[in-house]
Amino acid sequence: MNFFENFWSIFWWLFCVYAIFAFLWALFMVIGDLFRDHELSGWWKAVWIVFLAFVPFLSLLVYMIARGKGMTERSMAQARKSQEATDAYIRQVAAASPSEEIAKAKALMDAGTISAAEFERIKSKVVA
């Protein structure tokens, strides 16, 4: 085997591996979208799954052409919902009211953990 035959066989192998992964990614995206769609009835979901099982490549193309816009909208809505939940959780965990921060600092000062100067510095930071 010369260099070019070896190169093209490796190139073809890499292309096939890429195509298989791309197909599997698209298949999982479509199946995930099917179950995320609350407007589609269970019977239609079952029909799509059967077609995906027996005629996968053609079914993927038809699904993405026919329902691609809705697929994008559902994906964006899911991402937005997830981001809002994350932001709400971070605000809940990280944010304490200024009065709570001052009360914590006062308790630390009373316990002797921090000095009066440190308490005043914390208080001025919280108020500002």
C-alpha atoms as a PDB file:
ATOM      1  CA  MET A   1       0.000   0.000   0.000  1.00  0.00           C
ATOM      2  CA  ASN A   2       1.346   3.376  -0.847  1.00  0.00           C
ATOM      3  CA  PHE A   3       0.918   6.549   1.172  1.00  0.00           C
ATOM      4  CA  PHE A   4      -2.142   7.885  -0.668  1.00  0.00           C
ATOM      5  CA  GLU A   5      -4.120   4.669  -0.389  1.00  0.00           C
ATOM      6  CA  ASN A   6      -3.385   4.572   3.326  1.00  0.00           C
ATOM      7  CA  PHE A   7      -4.254   8.278   3.721  1.00  0.00           C
ATOM      8  CA  TRP A   8      -7.602   7.941   1.955  1.00  0.00           C
ATOM      9  CA  SER A   9      -8.530   4.787   3.870  1.00  0.00           C
ATOM     10  CA  ILE A  10      -7.841   6.625   7.139  1.00  0.00           C
ATOM     11  CA  PHE A  11      -9.736   9.662   5.879  1.00  0.00           C
ATOM     12  CA  TRP A  12     -12.708   7.471   4.882  1.00  0.00           C
ATOM     13  CA  TRP A  13     -12.663   5.725   8.274  1.00  0.00           C
ATOM     14  CA  LEU A  14     -12.679   9.085  10.105  1.00  0.00           C
ATOM     15  CA  PHE A  15     -15.506  10.335   7.906  1.00  0.00           C
ATOM     16  CA  CYS A  16     -17.584   7.222   8.670  1.00  0.00           C
ATOM     17  CA  VAL A  17     -16.964   7.569  12.407  1.00  0.00           C
ATOM     18  CA  TYR A  18     -17.963  11.249  12.237  1.00  0.00           C
ATOM     19  CA  ALA A  19     -21.101  10.385  10.262  1.00  0.00           C
ATOM     20  CA  ILE A  20     -22.112   7.738  12.805  1.00  0.00           C
ATOM     21  CA  PHE A  21     -21.661  10.130  15.726  1.00  0.00           C
ATOM     22  CA  ALA A  22     -23.549  12.893  13.889  1.00  0.00           C
ATOM     23  CA  PHE A  23     -26.388  10.483  13.132  1.00  0.00           C
ATOM     24  CA  LEU A  24     -26.568   9.291  16.746  1.00  0.00           C
ATOM     25  CA  TRP A  25     -26.494  12.883  18.044  1.00  0.00           C
ATOM     26  CA  ALA A  26     -29.339  13.863  15.704  1.00  0.00           C
ATOM     27  CA  LEU A  27     -31.295  10.746  16.666  1.00  0.00           C
ATOM     28  CA  PHE A  28     -31.012  11.496  20.383  1.00  0.00           C
ATOM     29  CA  MET A  29     -31.918  15.152  19.794  1.00  0.00           C
ATOM     30  CA  VAL A  30     -35.070  14.140  17.916  1.00  0.00           C
ATOM     31  CA  ILE A  31     -36.082  11.570  20.524  1.00  0.00           C
ATOM     32  CA  GLY A  32     -35.478  14.115  23.296  1.00  0.00           C
ATOM     33  CA  ASP A  33     -37.546  16.677  21.417  1.00  0.00           C
ATOM     34  CA  LEU A  34     -40.360  14.187  20.923  1.00  0.00           C
ATOM     35  CA  PHE A  35     -40.691  13.686  24.660  1.00  0.00           C
ATOM     36  CA  ARG A  36     -40.242  17.408  25.420  1.00  0.00           C
ATOM     37  CA  ASP A  37     -43.130  18.365  23.106  1.00  0.00           C
ATOM     38  CA  HIS A  38     -46.337  18.593  25.127  1.00  0.00           C
ATOM     39  CA  GLU A  39     -48.497  19.551  22.131  1.00  0.00           C
ATOM     40  CA  LEU A  40     -47.888  16.262  20.289  1.00  0.00           C
ATOM     41  CA  SER A  41     -50.150  13.401  21.355  1.00  0.00           C
ATOM     42  CA  GLY A  42     -48.796  10.094  22.604  1.00  0.00           C
ATOM     43  CA  TRP A  43     -49.946   8.311  19.456  1.00  0.00           C
ATOM     44  CA  TRP A  44     -47.991  10.649  17.195  1.00  0.00           C
ATOM     45  CA  LYS A  45     -44.952  10.224  19.408  1.00  0.00           C
ATOM     46  CA  ALA A  46     -45.292   6.448  19.049  1.00  0.00           C
ATOM     47  CA  VAL A  47     -45.601   6.767  15.265  1.00  0.00           C
ATOM     48  CA  TRP A  48     -42.431   8.885  15.110  1.00  0.00           C
ATOM     49  CA  ILE A  49     -40.556   6.372  17.292  1.00  0.00           C
ATOM     50  CA  VAL A  50     -41.642   3.476  15.049  1.00  0.00           C
ATOM     51  CA  PHE A  51     -40.516   5.352  11.942  1.00  0.00           C
ATOM     52  CA  LEU A  52     -37.221   6.254  13.644  1.00  0.00           C
ATOM     53  CA  ALA A  53     -36.689   2.579  14.456  1.00  0.00           C
ATOM     54  CA  PHE A  54     -37.415   1.216  10.961  1.00  0.00           C
ATOM     55  CA  VAL A  55     -36.485   4.076   8.608  1.00  0.00           C
ATOM     56  CA  PRO A  56     -34.102   6.119  10.747  1.00  0.00           C
ATOM     57  CA  PHE A  57     -32.263   8.319   8.241  1.00  0.00           C
ATOM     58  CA  LEU A  58     -35.349   9.343   6.268  1.00  0.00           C
ATOM     59  CA  SER A  59     -37.367   9.860   9.463  1.00  0.00           C
ATOM     60  CA  LEU A  60     -34.655  12.117  10.902  1.00  0.00           C
ATOM     61  CA  LEU A  61     -34.638  14.255   7.773  1.00  0.00           C
ATOM     62  CA  VAL A  62     -38.435  14.513   7.639  1.00  0.00           C
ATOM     63  CA  TYR A  63     -38.685  15.328  11.357  1.00  0.00           C
ATOM     64  CA  MET A  64     -36.031  18.024  11.176  1.00  0.00           C
ATOM     65  CA  ILE A  65     -37.609  19.596   8.100  1.00  0.00           C
ATOM     66  CA  ALA A  66     -41.197  19.391   9.330  1.00  0.00           C
ATOM     67  CA  ARG A  67     -40.668  20.168  13.015  1.00  0.00           C
ATOM     68  CA  GLY A  68     -37.261  21.874  13.096  1.00  0.00           C
ATOM     69  CA  LYS A  69     -38.563  25.327  14.023  1.00  0.00           C
ATOM     70  CA  GLY A  70     -40.606  23.959  16.922  1.00  0.00           C
ATOM     71  CA  MET A  71     -37.629  21.860  17.955  1.00  0.00           C
ATOM     72  CA  THR A  72     -35.512  25.002  18.210  1.00  0.00           C
ATOM     73  CA  GLU A  73     -38.206  26.873  20.149  1.00  0.00           C
ATOM     74  CA  ARG A  74     -38.614  24.024  22.658  1.00  0.00           C
ATOM     75  CA  SER A  75     -34.853  23.763  23.091  1.00  0.00           C
ATOM     76  CA  MET A  76     -34.535  27.518  23.689  1.00  0.00           C
ATOM     77  CA  ALA A  77     -37.449  27.463  26.154  1.00  0.00           C
ATOM     78  CA  GLN A  78     -35.832  24.596  28.054  1.00  0.00           C
ATOM     79  CA  ALA A  79     -32.495  26.441  28.178  1.00  0.00           C
ATOM     80  CA  ARG A  80     -34.209  29.642  29.338  1.00  0.00           C
ATOM     81  CA  LYS A  81     -36.115  27.749  32.039  1.00  0.00           C
ATOM     82  CA  SER A  82     -32.936  26.051  33.226  1.00  0.00           C
ATOM     83  CA  GLN A  83     -31.046  29.364  33.317  1.00  0.00           C
ATOM     84  CA  GLU A  84     -33.844  31.033  35.296  1.00  0.00           C
ATOM     85  CA  ALA A  85     -33.860  28.170  37.815  1.00  0.00           C
ATOM     86  CA  THR A  86     -30.082  28.408  38.178  1.00  0.00           C
ATOM     87  CA  ASP A  87     -30.211  32.182  38.640  1.00  0.00           C
ATOM     88  CA  ALA A  88     -32.991  31.889  41.222  1.00  0.00           C
ATOM     89  CA  TYR A  89     -31.038  29.273  43.150  1.00  0.00           C
ATOM     90  CA  ILE A  90     -27.875  31.385  43.123  1.00  0.00           C
ATOM     91  CA  ARG A  91     -29.792  34.460  44.322  1.00  0.00           C
ATOM     92  CA  GLN A  92     -31.433  32.403  47.078  1.00  0.00           C
ATOM     93  CA  VAL A  93     -28.164  30.902  48.310  1.00  0.00           C
ATOM     94  CA  ALA A  94     -25.798  33.824  47.847  1.00  0.00           C
ATOM     95  CA  ALA A  95     -27.884  36.839  48.718  1.00  0.00           C
ATOM     96  CA  ALA A  96     -28.546  37.679  52.316  1.00  0.00           C
ATOM     97  CA  SER A  97     -30.247  40.912  53.247  1.00  0.00           C
ATOM     98  CA  PRO A  98     -28.077  43.727  54.618  1.00  0.00           C
ATOM     99  CA  SER A  99     -29.696  43.442  58.020  1.00  0.00           C
ATOM    100  CA  GLU A 100     -28.808  39.718  58.164  1.00  0.00           C
ATOM    101  CA  GLU A 101     -25.183  40.485  57.266  1.00  0.00           C
ATOM    102  CA  ILE A 102     -24.972  43.160  59.948  1.00  0.00           C
ATOM    103  CA  ALA A 103     -26.576  40.816  62.482  1.00  0.00           C
ATOM    104  CA  LYS A 104     -24.035  38.104  61.659  1.00  0.00           C
ATOM    105  CA  ALA A 105     -21.182  40.590  61.989  1.00  0.00           C
ATOM    106  CA  LYS A 106     -22.613  41.834  65.318  1.00  0.00           C
ATOM    107  CA  ALA A 107     -22.798  38.256  66.608  1.00  0.00           C
ATOM    108  CA  LEU A 108     -19.169  37.703  65.581  1.00  0.00           C
ATOM    109  CA  MET A 109     -18.155  40.920  67.356  1.00  0.00           C
ATOM    110  CA  ASP A 110     -20.079  39.933  70.504  1.00  0.00           C
ATOM    111  CA  ALA A 111     -18.379  36.529  70.451  1.00  0.00           C
ATOM    112  CA  GLY A 112     -15.001  38.237  70.218  1.00  0.00           C
ATOM    113  CA  THR A 113     -14.185  36.759  66.812  1.00  0.00           C
ATOM    114  CA  ILE A 114     -13.840  40.161  65.135  1.00  0.00           C
ATOM    115  CA  SER A 115     -12.967  43.571  66.485  1.00  0.00           C
ATOM    116  CA  ALA A 116     -15.153  46.684  66.545  1.00  0.00           C
ATOM    117  CA  ALA A 117     -13.135  48.121  63.646  1.00  0.00           C
ATOM    118  CA  GLU A 118     -13.751  45.016  61.548  1.00  0.00           C
ATOM    119  CA  PHE A 119     -17.452  45.198  62.452  1.00  0.00           C
ATOM    120  CA  GLU A 120     -17.610  48.816  61.266  1.00  0.00           C
ATOM    121  CA  ARG A 121     -15.801  47.912  58.027  1.00  0.00           C
ATOM    122  CA  ILE A 122     -18.268  45.058  57.333  1.00  0.00           C
ATOM    123  CA  LYS A 123     -21.196  47.324  58.170  1.00  0.00           C
ATOM    124  CA  SER A 124     -19.978  50.062  55.827  1.00  0.00           C
ATOM    125  CA  LYS A 125     -19.458  47.504  53.025  1.00  0.00           C
ATOM    126  CA  VAL A 126     -22.972  46.083  53.460  1.00  0.00           C
ATOM    127  CA  VAL A 127     -24.638  49.470  53.585  1.00  0.00           C
ATOM    128  CA  ALA A 128     -22.724  50.764  50.536  1.00  0.00           C
END
